[in-house]
Amino acid sequence: MKRSLDELAETLTHIDDRELMLEFLRELLTAREAERISGRWEIVKRLSEGVPQRRIAEELGLSLCNITRGSRELRRRESAMRTVLEREGYRPSHLDDHS
C-alpha cells in the first residue's frame, strides 16, 4: 500500500493541468471520498485563518472531533499541511505560540 501511495504522490506531482487533475480526482475518488477530502481542506484553511474550532464545527455541521486532527497538524512547525497552506498563501503563523 505504501508503494502505491508513493506512486500516486509522484503521479500527482506530474499533473500540471487543473482540469485534468479535477477529472482524475473525480474518477479516482467516490463522491463521498471527494466530499470528505474537500471538507478536510476547508477545515485546515479556516483554522489557518484563525477561525475558532467551535465556529467551524457549527458552520460546517461537524463535531469538534473532526476538526481536532487538522488543528493538531497545523500546530506542528514541520507539518506538510502547514507547508502546503503557506505555499497557497494561507498564513497559520498565529499557531506558532502553541507549537
Protein backbone atom coordinates (compact mmCIF):
# COMPACT_ATOMS: atom_id res chain seq x y z
CA MET A 1 0.00 0.00 0.00
CA LYS A 2 2.84 2.42 0.83
CA ARG A 3 4.39 1.86 -2.58
CA SER A 4 1.07 2.68 -4.23
CA LEU A 5 0.72 5.85 -2.18
CA ASP A 6 4.27 6.86 -3.12
CA GLU A 7 3.47 6.20 -6.77
CA LEU A 8 0.23 8.17 -6.56
CA ALA A 9 2.03 11.13 -4.98
CA GLU A 10 4.62 11.03 -7.75
CA THR A 11 1.90 10.85 -10.40
CA LEU A 12 0.03 13.81 -8.91
CA THR A 13 3.17 15.95 -8.98
CA HIS A 14 3.33 15.50 -12.75
CA ILE A 15 -0.21 16.69 -13.46
CA ASP A 16 0.05 20.39 -14.22
CA ASP A 17 -3.33 20.78 -15.92
CA ARG A 18 -6.05 21.86 -13.45
CA GLU A 19 -8.93 20.37 -15.45
CA LEU A 20 -7.10 17.08 -15.93
CA MET A 21 -6.38 16.98 -12.18
CA LEU A 22 -10.03 17.60 -11.33
CA GLU A 23 -11.21 14.91 -13.71
CA PHE A 24 -8.57 12.48 -12.43
CA LEU A 25 -9.67 13.07 -8.82
CA ARG A 26 -13.34 12.68 -9.76
CA GLU A 27 -12.56 9.34 -11.40
CA LEU A 28 -10.25 8.15 -8.63
CA LEU A 29 -12.42 9.09 -5.66
CA THR A 30 -16.00 8.30 -4.84
CA ALA A 31 -18.27 11.29 -4.35
CA ARG A 32 -18.16 10.67 -0.59
CA GLU A 33 -14.34 10.49 -0.53
CA ALA A 34 -14.06 13.70 -2.55
CA GLU A 35 -16.51 15.41 -0.20
CA ARG A 36 -14.57 14.31 2.88
CA ILE A 37 -11.20 15.38 1.48
CA SER A 38 -12.63 18.73 0.38
CA GLY A 39 -14.11 19.16 3.84
CA ARG A 40 -10.77 18.47 5.50
CA TRP A 41 -9.13 21.05 3.26
CA GLU A 42 -11.83 23.59 4.19
CA ILE A 43 -11.24 22.86 7.88
CA VAL A 44 -7.49 23.47 7.76
CA LYS A 45 -7.90 26.60 5.64
CA ARG A 46 -10.31 28.06 8.19
CA LEU A 47 -8.11 27.03 11.09
CA SER A 48 -5.11 28.67 9.43
CA GLU A 49 -7.15 31.87 9.13
CA GLY A 50 -7.76 31.82 12.87
CA VAL A 51 -11.42 30.79 12.78
CA PRO A 52 -12.31 29.16 16.13
CA GLN A 53 -12.90 25.41 16.08
CA ARG A 54 -16.43 25.73 17.51
CA ARG A 55 -17.43 28.18 14.78
CA ILE A 56 -16.04 25.87 12.08
CA ALA A 57 -17.94 22.96 13.60
CA GLU A 58 -21.18 24.95 13.60
CA GLU A 59 -20.75 26.34 10.09
CA LEU A 60 -19.80 23.01 8.53
CA GLY A 61 -22.11 20.87 10.66
CA LEU A 62 -19.26 18.82 12.11
CA SER A 63 -18.26 17.65 15.54
CA LEU A 64 -15.22 19.18 17.22
CA CYS A 65 -13.50 15.79 16.95
CA ASN A 66 -13.45 16.17 13.16
CA ILE A 67 -11.59 19.45 13.48
CA THR A 68 -9.07 18.45 16.13
CA ARG A 69 -6.84 16.48 13.77
CA GLY A 70 -6.35 19.43 11.43
CA SER A 71 -5.70 21.73 14.34
CA ARG A 72 -3.10 19.36 15.76
CA GLU A 73 -1.32 19.14 12.39
CA LEU A 74 -1.20 22.89 11.94
CA ARG A 75 0.45 23.34 15.33
CA ARG A 76 3.43 21.23 14.24
CA ARG A 77 6.02 23.50 12.61
CA GLU A 78 7.24 20.64 10.39
CA SER A 79 3.71 19.74 9.22
CA ALA A 80 3.34 19.17 5.47
CA MET A 81 -0.21 20.52 5.76
CA ARG A 82 1.13 23.75 7.17
CA THR A 83 3.77 23.99 4.44
CA VAL A 84 1.19 23.49 1.68
CA LEU A 85 -1.15 26.07 3.19
CA GLU A 86 1.68 28.60 3.39
CA ARG A 87 2.60 27.94 -0.25
CA GLU A 88 -1.03 28.60 -1.17
CA GLY A 89 -0.98 31.95 0.60
CA TYR A 90 -2.50 30.96 3.94
CA ARG A 91 -0.50 32.04 6.97
CA PRO A 92 -1.01 29.81 10.00
CA SER A 93 1.67 31.80 11.84
CA HIS A 94 -0.77 32.63 14.66
CA LEU A 95 -0.38 28.98 15.66
CA ASP A 96 3.33 29.42 16.44
CA ASP A 97 2.54 30.29 20.05
CA HIS A 98 1.06 26.80 20.52
CA SER A 99 3.84 24.79 18.85
